Amino acid sequence: MKSQVNFVYDISDDPQNEIKHWLFLENVRLQQERQELTEERQQLTKEKNSFEREKRSYQSALDVQEKRLLRQKELFEKQWQIMENELRRIAKDKANIEREKENIKKLQNQAKNMTHVGESRFFAGISGPTGLKKRYRELLKIYHPDNEGGDDATVLLINQEYKSLKRKYGID
């Protein structure tokens, strides 16, 4: 805001009055410029404060976003680790199942190939009561009707042989 003060003096030819007049006008002009500079400084201070508030606001929003992203990253890494562990466990389970299937097929093939009716088909090679019980449990795990590939007829045959061998070894 610029205001200009004009004073009208009757200046005589006295050079001293002319200098005084010039000094007075210069003093007024300097005061006006000081006032303008003060106003500009105040305006700049307001703008600076406003900018600082805006900067703090953006910085706090940025900090919140960074914390959120960090939490999301940590969560993702935990989920990724869980997925990797579960995939490893599933792969191990699959390998175990494949091995069990192969063992079942081998035992089924052995059972089909056994043609000796009088001899023990399921308990061949058993020499004592502990081996007998162990083989009986293994066979029931494999041929139980609730398992895949198991059936009632095979379990009945296993039970019949087990009973006859129990009598043979004297187990009650």
N, C-alpha and C. Protein backbone atom coordinates (compact mmCIF):
# COMPACT_ATOMS: atom_id res chain seq x y z
N MET A 1 0.86 -1.17 0.00
CA MET A 1 0.00 0.00 0.00
C MET A 1 0.90 1.22 0.00
N LYS A 2 0.84 1.90 -1.07
CA LYS A 2 1.75 3.01 -1.24
C LYS A 2 0.95 4.32 -1.16
N SER A 3 1.34 5.14 -0.23
CA SER A 3 0.71 6.47 -0.15
C SER A 3 1.81 7.49 -0.25
N GLN A 4 1.49 8.50 -0.89
CA GLN A 4 2.50 9.52 -1.10
C GLN A 4 2.00 10.84 -0.50
N VAL A 5 2.89 11.43 0.21
CA VAL A 5 2.54 12.68 0.87
C VAL A 5 3.18 13.83 0.07
N ASN A 6 2.34 14.73 -0.30
CA ASN A 6 2.85 15.90 -1.02
C ASN A 6 2.60 17.14 -0.16
N PHE A 7 3.65 17.77 0.12
CA PHE A 7 3.56 19.02 0.88
C PHE A 7 3.92 20.16 -0.04
N VAL A 8 3.19 21.16 0.11
CA VAL A 8 3.46 22.34 -0.69
C VAL A 8 4.01 23.42 0.24
N TYR A 9 5.16 23.88 -0.07
CA TYR A 9 5.82 24.93 0.71
C TYR A 9 6.12 26.09 -0.21
N ASP A 10 6.10 27.14 0.39
CA ASP A 10 6.54 28.31 -0.34
C ASP A 10 8.03 28.45 -0.08
N ILE A 11 8.77 28.02 -1.03
CA ILE A 11 10.21 28.02 -0.85
C ILE A 11 10.77 29.27 -1.52
N SER A 12 11.45 29.98 -0.72
CA SER A 12 12.12 31.15 -1.28
C SER A 12 13.45 30.71 -1.84
N ASP A 13 14.14 31.59 -2.24
CA ASP A 13 15.41 31.29 -2.88
C ASP A 13 16.50 30.90 -1.89
N ASP A 14 16.09 30.64 -0.73
CA ASP A 14 17.06 30.26 0.29
C ASP A 14 17.43 28.78 0.09
N PRO A 15 18.70 28.50 -0.17
CA PRO A 15 19.11 27.11 -0.39
C PRO A 15 18.94 26.24 0.86
N GLN A 16 19.02 26.84 1.98
CA GLN A 16 18.86 26.07 3.21
C GLN A 16 17.42 25.56 3.34
N ASN A 17 16.49 26.36 3.03
CA ASN A 17 15.08 25.94 3.07
C ASN A 17 14.82 24.84 2.05
N GLU A 18 15.46 24.98 0.93
CA GLU A 18 15.31 23.97 -0.11
C GLU A 18 15.86 22.62 0.36
N ILE A 19 16.99 22.62 1.04
CA ILE A 19 17.60 21.39 1.56
C ILE A 19 16.71 20.81 2.66
N LYS A 20 16.20 21.69 3.51
CA LYS A 20 15.31 21.24 4.57
C LYS A 20 14.07 20.59 3.97
N HIS A 21 13.55 21.23 2.96
CA HIS A 21 12.37 20.68 2.31
C HIS A 21 12.68 19.30 1.69
N TRP A 22 13.81 19.21 1.02
CA TRP A 22 14.19 17.93 0.41
C TRP A 22 14.39 16.86 1.48
N LEU A 23 15.04 17.21 2.57
CA LEU A 23 15.27 16.27 3.67
C LEU A 23 13.94 15.82 4.28
N PHE A 24 13.04 16.75 4.42
CA PHE A 24 11.74 16.40 4.97
C PHE A 24 11.02 15.40 4.06
N LEU A 25 11.00 15.72 2.77
CA LEU A 25 10.34 14.82 1.83
C LEU A 25 11.04 13.44 1.77
N GLU A 26 12.34 13.50 1.85
CA GLU A 26 13.09 12.23 1.83
C GLU A 26 12.79 11.42 3.09
N ASN A 27 12.69 12.08 4.21
CA ASN A 27 12.36 11.42 5.47
C ASN A 27 10.97 10.78 5.39
N VAL A 28 10.01 11.49 4.83
CA VAL A 28 8.66 10.96 4.67
C VAL A 28 8.68 9.74 3.73
N ARG A 29 9.41 9.87 2.63
CA ARG A 29 9.51 8.77 1.68
C ARG A 29 10.15 7.54 2.34
N LEU A 30 11.19 7.76 3.13
CA LEU A 30 11.86 6.65 3.82
C LEU A 30 10.93 6.00 4.85
N GLN A 31 10.16 6.79 5.55
CA GLN A 31 9.20 6.25 6.51
C GLN A 31 8.14 5.40 5.80
N GLN A 32 7.69 5.90 4.66
CA GLN A 32 6.72 5.14 3.88
C GLN A 32 7.31 3.80 3.41
N GLU A 33 8.53 3.84 2.95
CA GLU A 33 9.19 2.59 2.51
C GLU A 33 9.39 1.64 3.68
N ARG A 34 9.75 2.20 4.86
CA ARG A 34 9.88 1.36 6.05
C ARG A 34 8.55 0.70 6.38
N GLN A 35 7.50 1.48 6.30
CA GLN A 35 6.16 0.94 6.57
C GLN A 35 5.81 -0.16 5.57
N GLU A 36 6.12 0.10 4.30
CA GLU A 36 5.85 -0.91 3.27
C GLU A 36 6.68 -2.17 3.51
N LEU A 37 7.95 -1.99 3.87
CA LEU A 37 8.81 -3.14 4.15
C LEU A 37 8.29 -3.92 5.37
N THR A 38 7.83 -3.21 6.37
CA THR A 38 7.27 -3.87 7.55
C THR A 38 6.03 -4.66 7.18
N GLU A 39 5.18 -4.08 6.35
CA GLU A 39 3.98 -4.78 5.91
C GLU A 39 4.35 -6.01 5.06
N GLU A 40 5.33 -5.85 4.19
CA GLU A 40 5.78 -6.99 3.38
C GLU A 40 6.37 -8.08 4.26
N ARG A 41 7.15 -7.67 5.26
CA ARG A 41 7.74 -8.63 6.18
C ARG A 41 6.64 -9.38 6.93
N GLN A 42 5.62 -8.66 7.38
CA GLN A 42 4.51 -9.31 8.06
C GLN A 42 3.79 -10.30 7.13
N GLN A 43 3.58 -9.86 5.89
CA GLN A 43 2.93 -10.73 4.91
C GLN A 43 3.78 -11.98 4.65
N LEU A 44 5.09 -11.79 4.50
CA LEU A 44 5.99 -12.92 4.28
C LEU A 44 6.00 -13.85 5.49
N THR A 45 5.95 -13.28 6.68
CA THR A 45 5.92 -14.09 7.90
C THR A 45 4.64 -14.92 7.94
N LYS A 46 3.52 -14.30 7.57
CA LYS A 46 2.25 -15.04 7.53
C LYS A 46 2.33 -16.18 6.51
N GLU A 47 2.87 -15.88 5.33
CA GLU A 47 2.99 -16.90 4.29
C GLU A 47 3.95 -18.01 4.74
N LYS A 48 5.04 -17.62 5.41
CA LYS A 48 5.99 -18.60 5.91
C LYS A 48 5.33 -19.50 6.94
N ASN A 49 4.59 -18.91 7.86
CA ASN A 49 3.90 -19.70 8.88
C ASN A 49 2.88 -20.65 8.24
N SER A 50 2.16 -20.11 7.27
CA SER A 50 1.18 -20.93 6.57
C SER A 50 1.88 -22.09 5.85
N PHE A 51 2.99 -21.78 5.20
CA PHE A 51 3.77 -22.81 4.51
C PHE A 51 4.28 -23.85 5.50
N GLU A 52 4.77 -23.42 6.65
CA GLU A 52 5.28 -24.34 7.67
C GLU A 52 4.16 -25.26 8.18
N ARG A 53 2.96 -24.69 8.43
CA ARG A 53 1.83 -25.51 8.86
C ARG A 53 1.48 -26.55 7.79
N GLU A 54 1.44 -26.09 6.55
CA GLU A 54 1.13 -26.99 5.45
C GLU A 54 2.19 -28.08 5.32
N LYS A 55 3.44 -27.69 5.49
CA LYS A 55 4.56 -28.64 5.43
C LYS A 55 4.43 -29.68 6.54
N ARG A 56 4.14 -29.24 7.77
CA ARG A 56 3.97 -30.17 8.88
C ARG A 56 2.79 -31.11 8.63
N SER A 57 1.72 -30.57 8.08
CA SER A 57 0.54 -31.38 7.77
C SER A 57 0.89 -32.46 6.75
N TYR A 58 1.57 -32.08 5.68
CA TYR A 58 1.97 -33.06 4.68
C TYR A 58 2.97 -34.06 5.25
N GLN A 59 3.87 -33.60 6.08
CA GLN A 59 4.86 -34.51 6.68
C GLN A 59 4.18 -35.52 7.59
N SER A 60 3.22 -35.07 8.39
CA SER A 60 2.53 -36.02 9.27
C SER A 60 1.71 -37.02 8.44
N ALA A 61 1.08 -36.55 7.36
CA ALA A 61 0.34 -37.46 6.48
C ALA A 61 1.30 -38.46 5.83
N LEU A 62 2.47 -37.98 5.44
CA LEU A 62 3.48 -38.85 4.85
C LEU A 62 3.97 -39.88 5.87
N ASP A 63 4.18 -39.46 7.11
CA ASP A 63 4.60 -40.39 8.16
C ASP A 63 3.55 -41.46 8.39
N VAL A 64 2.28 -41.06 8.41
CA VAL A 64 1.20 -42.02 8.60
C VAL A 64 1.19 -43.03 7.45
N GLN A 65 1.35 -42.54 6.22
CA GLN A 65 1.37 -43.43 5.05
C GLN A 65 2.56 -44.39 5.12
N GLU A 66 3.72 -43.88 5.52
CA GLU A 66 4.91 -44.73 5.62
C GLU A 66 4.71 -45.82 6.68
N LYS A 67 4.11 -45.47 7.82
CA LYS A 67 3.85 -46.46 8.86
C LYS A 67 2.86 -47.51 8.36
N ARG A 68 1.83 -47.06 7.66
CA ARG A 68 0.84 -47.98 7.12
C ARG A 68 1.49 -48.93 6.11
N LEU A 69 2.32 -48.38 5.23
CA LEU A 69 3.00 -49.21 4.25
C LEU A 69 3.96 -50.20 4.92
N LEU A 70 4.62 -49.76 5.95
CA LEU A 70 5.52 -50.65 6.69
C LEU A 70 4.75 -51.80 7.33
N ARG A 71 3.59 -51.49 7.94
CA ARG A 71 2.76 -52.53 8.54
C ARG A 71 2.26 -53.51 7.46
N GLN A 72 1.86 -52.97 6.32
CA GLN A 72 1.39 -53.82 5.24
C GLN A 72 2.52 -54.72 4.72
N LYS A 73 3.71 -54.17 4.63
CA LYS A 73 4.86 -54.94 4.18
C LYS A 73 5.15 -56.08 5.16
N GLU A 74 5.15 -55.77 6.46
CA GLU A 74 5.39 -56.79 7.47
C GLU A 74 4.33 -57.88 7.41
N LEU A 75 3.07 -57.47 7.27
CA LEU A 75 1.98 -58.43 7.17
C LEU A 75 2.15 -59.32 5.93
N PHE A 76 2.50 -58.70 4.82
CA PHE A 76 2.71 -59.46 3.59
C PHE A 76 3.83 -60.47 3.76
N GLU A 77 4.94 -60.04 4.38
CA GLU A 77 6.06 -60.95 4.58
C GLU A 77 5.67 -62.12 5.48
N LYS A 78 4.89 -61.85 6.53
CA LYS A 78 4.42 -62.93 7.40
C LYS A 78 3.52 -63.89 6.62
N GLN A 79 2.60 -63.35 5.84
CA GLN A 79 1.71 -64.19 5.04
C GLN A 79 2.51 -65.01 4.03
N TRP A 80 3.51 -64.40 3.43
CA TRP A 80 4.35 -65.09 2.45
C TRP A 80 5.08 -66.26 3.13
N GLN A 81 5.62 -66.01 4.32
CA GLN A 81 6.32 -67.05 5.07
C GLN A 81 5.37 -68.20 5.40
N ILE A 82 4.16 -67.87 5.82
CA ILE A 82 3.17 -68.90 6.12
C ILE A 82 2.87 -69.72 4.88
N MET A 83 2.70 -69.04 3.75
CA MET A 83 2.40 -69.74 2.50
C MET A 83 3.56 -70.67 2.12
N GLU A 84 4.79 -70.21 2.25
CA GLU A 84 5.95 -71.05 1.93
C GLU A 84 5.99 -72.28 2.84
N ASN A 85 5.77 -72.08 4.13
CA ASN A 85 5.78 -73.20 5.06
C ASN A 85 4.69 -74.21 4.73
N GLU A 86 3.51 -73.71 4.42
CA GLU A 86 2.40 -74.60 4.09
C GLU A 86 2.66 -75.36 2.80
N LEU A 87 3.26 -74.69 1.82
CA LEU A 87 3.58 -75.38 0.57
C LEU A 87 4.61 -76.48 0.80
N ARG A 88 5.60 -76.20 1.65
CA ARG A 88 6.58 -77.24 1.98
C ARG A 88 5.90 -78.42 2.68
N ARG A 89 5.02 -78.11 3.62
CA ARG A 89 4.31 -79.17 4.34
C ARG A 89 3.45 -79.99 3.39
N ILE A 90 2.77 -79.32 2.48
CA ILE A 90 1.92 -80.01 1.50
C ILE A 90 2.78 -80.90 0.60
N ALA A 91 3.95 -80.41 0.19
CA ALA A 91 4.83 -81.21 -0.65
C ALA A 91 5.30 -82.46 0.09
N LYS A 92 5.64 -82.30 1.38
CA LYS A 92 6.06 -83.46 2.18
C LYS A 92 4.90 -84.45 2.31
N ASP A 93 3.71 -83.94 2.60
CA ASP A 93 2.54 -84.80 2.73
C ASP A 93 2.27 -85.55 1.43
N LYS A 94 2.40 -84.86 0.33
CA LYS A 94 2.17 -85.48 -0.97
C LYS A 94 3.18 -86.60 -1.21
N ALA A 95 4.45 -86.35 -0.89
CA ALA A 95 5.47 -87.38 -1.06
C ALA A 95 5.17 -88.57 -0.16
N ASN A 96 4.76 -88.32 1.08
CA ASN A 96 4.42 -89.42 1.99
C ASN A 96 3.23 -90.23 1.46
N ILE A 97 2.25 -89.55 0.94
CA ILE A 97 1.08 -90.23 0.39
C ILE A 97 1.48 -91.09 -0.81
N GLU A 98 2.35 -90.55 -1.65
CA GLU A 98 2.81 -91.32 -2.81
C GLU A 98 3.55 -92.58 -2.36
N ARG A 99 4.40 -92.45 -1.34
CA ARG A 99 5.12 -93.61 -0.82
C ARG A 99 4.14 -94.64 -0.25
N GLU A 100 3.15 -94.17 0.49
CA GLU A 100 2.15 -95.09 1.04
C GLU A 100 1.37 -95.79 -0.06
N LYS A 101 1.04 -95.05 -1.12
CA LYS A 101 0.32 -95.67 -2.24
C LYS A 101 1.17 -96.76 -2.88
N GLU A 102 2.48 -96.48 -3.04
CA GLU A 102 3.37 -97.48 -3.62
C GLU A 102 3.45 -98.71 -2.73
N ASN A 103 3.55 -98.49 -1.43
CA ASN A 103 3.60 -99.62 -0.50
C ASN A 103 2.30 -100.43 -0.55
N ILE A 104 1.19 -99.77 -0.62
CA ILE A 104 -0.10 -100.46 -0.71
C ILE A 104 -0.16 -101.28 -1.98
N LYS A 105 0.28 -100.67 -3.10
CA LYS A 105 0.25 -101.42 -4.36
C LYS A 105 1.15 -102.65 -4.28
N LYS A 106 2.33 -102.48 -3.67
CA LYS A 106 3.24 -103.62 -3.53
C LYS A 106 2.58 -104.72 -2.70
N LEU A 107 1.99 -104.34 -1.58
CA LEU A 107 1.34 -105.33 -0.72
C LEU A 107 0.15 -105.98 -1.42
N GLN A 108 -0.60 -105.18 -2.18
CA GLN A 108 -1.73 -105.75 -2.92
C GLN A 108 -1.22 -106.73 -3.97
N ASN A 109 -0.14 -106.35 -4.65
CA ASN A 109 0.44 -107.26 -5.65
C ASN A 109 0.96 -108.53 -4.98
N GLN A 110 1.60 -108.37 -3.83
CA GLN A 110 2.08 -109.54 -3.10
C GLN A 110 0.90 -110.42 -2.68
N ALA A 111 -0.17 -109.80 -2.21
CA ALA A 111 -1.34 -110.56 -1.78
C ALA A 111 -1.97 -111.29 -2.96
N LYS A 112 -1.99 -110.67 -4.13
CA LYS A 112 -2.55 -111.31 -5.31
C LYS A 112 -1.67 -112.45 -5.78
N ASN A 113 -0.35 -112.28 -5.64
CA ASN A 113 0.59 -113.30 -6.10
C ASN A 113 0.67 -114.50 -5.17
N MET A 114 0.23 -114.36 -3.94
CA MET A 114 0.27 -115.48 -3.00
C MET A 114 -0.84 -116.45 -3.35
N THR A 115 -0.46 -117.67 -3.65
CA THR A 115 -1.46 -118.67 -4.02
C THR A 115 -1.51 -119.83 -3.06
N HIS A 116 -0.71 -119.78 -2.05
CA HIS A 116 -0.68 -120.86 -1.09
C HIS A 116 -1.82 -120.67 -0.11
N VAL A 117 -2.82 -121.49 -0.19
CA VAL A 117 -3.99 -121.38 0.65
C VAL A 117 -3.69 -121.87 2.05
N GLY A 118 -2.94 -122.92 2.17
CA GLY A 118 -2.65 -123.51 3.46
C GLY A 118 -1.68 -122.67 4.26
N GLU A 119 -0.81 -121.98 3.60
CA GLU A 119 0.18 -121.19 4.31
C GLU A 119 -0.35 -119.78 4.56
N SER A 120 0.34 -119.07 5.41
CA SER A 120 -0.06 -117.70 5.72
C SER A 120 0.27 -116.77 4.56
N ARG A 121 -0.75 -116.12 4.03
CA ARG A 121 -0.51 -115.20 2.92
C ARG A 121 -0.11 -113.82 3.42
N PHE A 122 -0.76 -113.35 4.46
CA PHE A 122 -0.51 -111.99 4.95
C PHE A 122 0.60 -111.94 5.99
N PHE A 123 0.83 -113.04 6.66
CA PHE A 123 1.80 -113.03 7.76
C PHE A 123 3.03 -113.86 7.42
N ALA A 124 3.37 -113.98 6.14
CA ALA A 124 4.53 -114.76 5.72
C ALA A 124 5.80 -114.15 6.30
N GLY A 125 6.66 -115.00 6.82
CA GLY A 125 7.93 -114.54 7.35
C GLY A 125 7.87 -114.14 8.81
N ILE A 126 6.72 -114.23 9.45
CA ILE A 126 6.58 -113.87 10.85
C ILE A 126 7.09 -115.03 11.69
N SER A 127 7.93 -114.72 12.69
CA SER A 127 8.52 -115.80 13.47
C SER A 127 8.16 -115.74 14.95
N GLY A 128 7.40 -114.75 15.36
CA GLY A 128 7.08 -114.67 16.78
C GLY A 128 5.85 -113.83 17.03
N PRO A 129 5.39 -113.80 18.29
CA PRO A 129 4.17 -113.07 18.64
C PRO A 129 4.29 -111.56 18.45
N THR A 130 5.48 -111.00 18.73
CA THR A 130 5.62 -109.53 18.57
C THR A 130 5.54 -109.13 17.10
N GLY A 131 6.19 -109.93 16.24
CA GLY A 131 6.11 -109.66 14.80
C GLY A 131 4.71 -109.84 14.28
N LEU A 132 4.01 -110.82 14.85
CA LEU A 132 2.63 -111.08 14.45
C LEU A 132 1.73 -109.88 14.74
N LYS A 133 1.82 -109.36 15.95
CA LYS A 133 1.00 -108.20 16.34
C LYS A 133 1.34 -106.98 15.49
N LYS A 134 2.62 -106.80 15.27
CA LYS A 134 3.06 -105.63 14.49
C LYS A 134 2.53 -105.73 13.06
N ARG A 135 2.67 -106.90 12.43
CA ARG A 135 2.20 -107.07 11.06
C ARG A 135 0.69 -106.92 11.00
N TYR A 136 -0.04 -107.43 12.02
CA TYR A 136 -1.49 -107.32 12.05
C TYR A 136 -1.91 -105.84 12.03
N ARG A 137 -1.27 -105.03 12.86
CA ARG A 137 -1.61 -103.58 12.89
C ARG A 137 -1.33 -102.93 11.54
N GLU A 138 -0.17 -103.25 10.95
CA GLU A 138 0.18 -102.67 9.65
C GLU A 138 -0.83 -103.06 8.58
N LEU A 139 -1.21 -104.33 8.58
CA LEU A 139 -2.18 -104.79 7.57
C LEU A 139 -3.54 -104.13 7.74
N LEU A 140 -3.98 -103.94 8.98
CA LEU A 140 -5.26 -103.27 9.19
C LEU A 140 -5.21 -101.82 8.76
N LYS A 141 -4.07 -101.19 8.96
CA LYS A 141 -3.95 -99.80 8.49
C LYS A 141 -4.09 -99.73 6.97
N ILE A 142 -3.56 -100.72 6.32
CA ILE A 142 -3.58 -100.71 4.85
C ILE A 142 -4.94 -101.14 4.30
N TYR A 143 -5.47 -102.24 4.80
CA TYR A 143 -6.65 -102.85 4.19
C TYR A 143 -7.96 -102.52 4.87
N HIS A 144 -7.95 -101.67 5.84
CA HIS A 144 -9.19 -101.34 6.54
C HIS A 144 -10.20 -100.77 5.55
N PRO A 145 -11.47 -101.13 5.65
CA PRO A 145 -12.49 -100.68 4.68
C PRO A 145 -12.63 -99.16 4.60
N ASP A 146 -12.25 -98.44 5.64
CA ASP A 146 -12.38 -96.98 5.59
C ASP A 146 -11.25 -96.34 4.78
N ASN A 147 -10.19 -97.08 4.52
CA ASN A 147 -9.07 -96.54 3.75
C ASN A 147 -9.30 -96.74 2.26
N GLU A 148 -8.58 -95.97 1.47
CA GLU A 148 -8.66 -96.11 0.03
C GLU A 148 -8.02 -97.44 -0.36
N GLY A 149 -8.70 -98.24 -1.13
CA GLY A 149 -8.18 -99.53 -1.56
C GLY A 149 -8.45 -100.65 -0.57
N GLY A 150 -9.07 -100.36 0.57
CA GLY A 150 -9.38 -101.39 1.56
C GLY A 150 -10.73 -102.01 1.29
N ASP A 151 -10.92 -103.24 1.79
CA ASP A 151 -12.23 -103.86 1.62
C ASP A 151 -12.48 -104.85 2.75
N ASP A 152 -13.76 -105.21 2.95
CA ASP A 152 -14.17 -106.09 4.05
C ASP A 152 -13.63 -107.51 3.90
N ALA A 153 -13.64 -108.04 2.68
CA ALA A 153 -13.23 -109.42 2.46
C ALA A 153 -11.77 -109.62 2.85
N THR A 154 -10.93 -108.70 2.48
CA THR A 154 -9.51 -108.82 2.82
C THR A 154 -9.31 -108.75 4.32
N VAL A 155 -10.01 -107.86 4.99
CA VAL A 155 -9.89 -107.74 6.45
C VAL A 155 -10.35 -109.03 7.12
N LEU A 156 -11.41 -109.67 6.60
CA LEU A 156 -11.86 -110.94 7.16
C LEU A 156 -10.78 -112.02 7.03
N LEU A 157 -10.14 -112.07 5.87
CA LEU A 157 -9.06 -113.04 5.67
C LEU A 157 -7.90 -112.78 6.63
N ILE A 158 -7.56 -111.50 6.79
CA ILE A 158 -6.47 -111.14 7.70
C ILE A 158 -6.83 -111.57 9.12
N ASN A 159 -8.06 -111.29 9.53
CA ASN A 159 -8.49 -111.67 10.88
C ASN A 159 -8.46 -113.18 11.09
N GLN A 160 -8.88 -113.94 10.09
CA GLN A 160 -8.87 -115.41 10.20
C GLN A 160 -7.44 -115.92 10.37
N GLU A 161 -6.53 -115.42 9.53
CA GLU A 161 -5.13 -115.85 9.63
C GLU A 161 -4.54 -115.44 10.97
N TYR A 162 -4.88 -114.23 11.41
CA TYR A 162 -4.34 -113.73 12.69
C TYR A 162 -4.79 -114.63 13.84
N LYS A 163 -6.08 -115.01 13.84
CA LYS A 163 -6.60 -115.87 14.91
C LYS A 163 -5.89 -117.23 14.91
N SER A 164 -5.71 -117.80 13.71
CA SER A 164 -5.06 -119.12 13.65
C SER A 164 -3.60 -119.03 14.09
N LEU A 165 -2.90 -117.96 13.73
CA LEU A 165 -1.51 -117.81 14.13
C LEU A 165 -1.40 -117.49 15.62
N LYS A 166 -2.38 -116.78 16.16
CA LYS A 166 -2.38 -116.52 17.62
C LYS A 166 -2.47 -117.85 18.37
N ARG A 167 -3.33 -118.72 17.89
CA ARG A 167 -3.43 -120.05 18.53
C ARG A 167 -2.12 -120.82 18.40
N LYS A 168 -1.51 -120.69 17.21
CA LYS A 168 -0.25 -121.38 16.97
C LYS A 168 0.84 -120.92 17.93
N TYR A 169 0.90 -119.56 18.18
CA TYR A 169 1.93 -119.00 19.07
C TYR A 169 1.47 -118.98 20.53
N GLY A 170 0.28 -119.35 20.77
CA GLY A 170 -0.22 -119.40 22.14
C GLY A 170 -0.55 -118.04 22.72
N ILE A 171 -1.06 -117.15 21.92
CA ILE A 171 -1.43 -115.80 22.37
C ILE A 171 -2.94 -115.77 22.57
N ASP A 172 -3.38 -115.24 23.69
CA ASP A 172 -4.84 -115.12 23.93
C ASP A 172 -5.30 -113.72 23.80
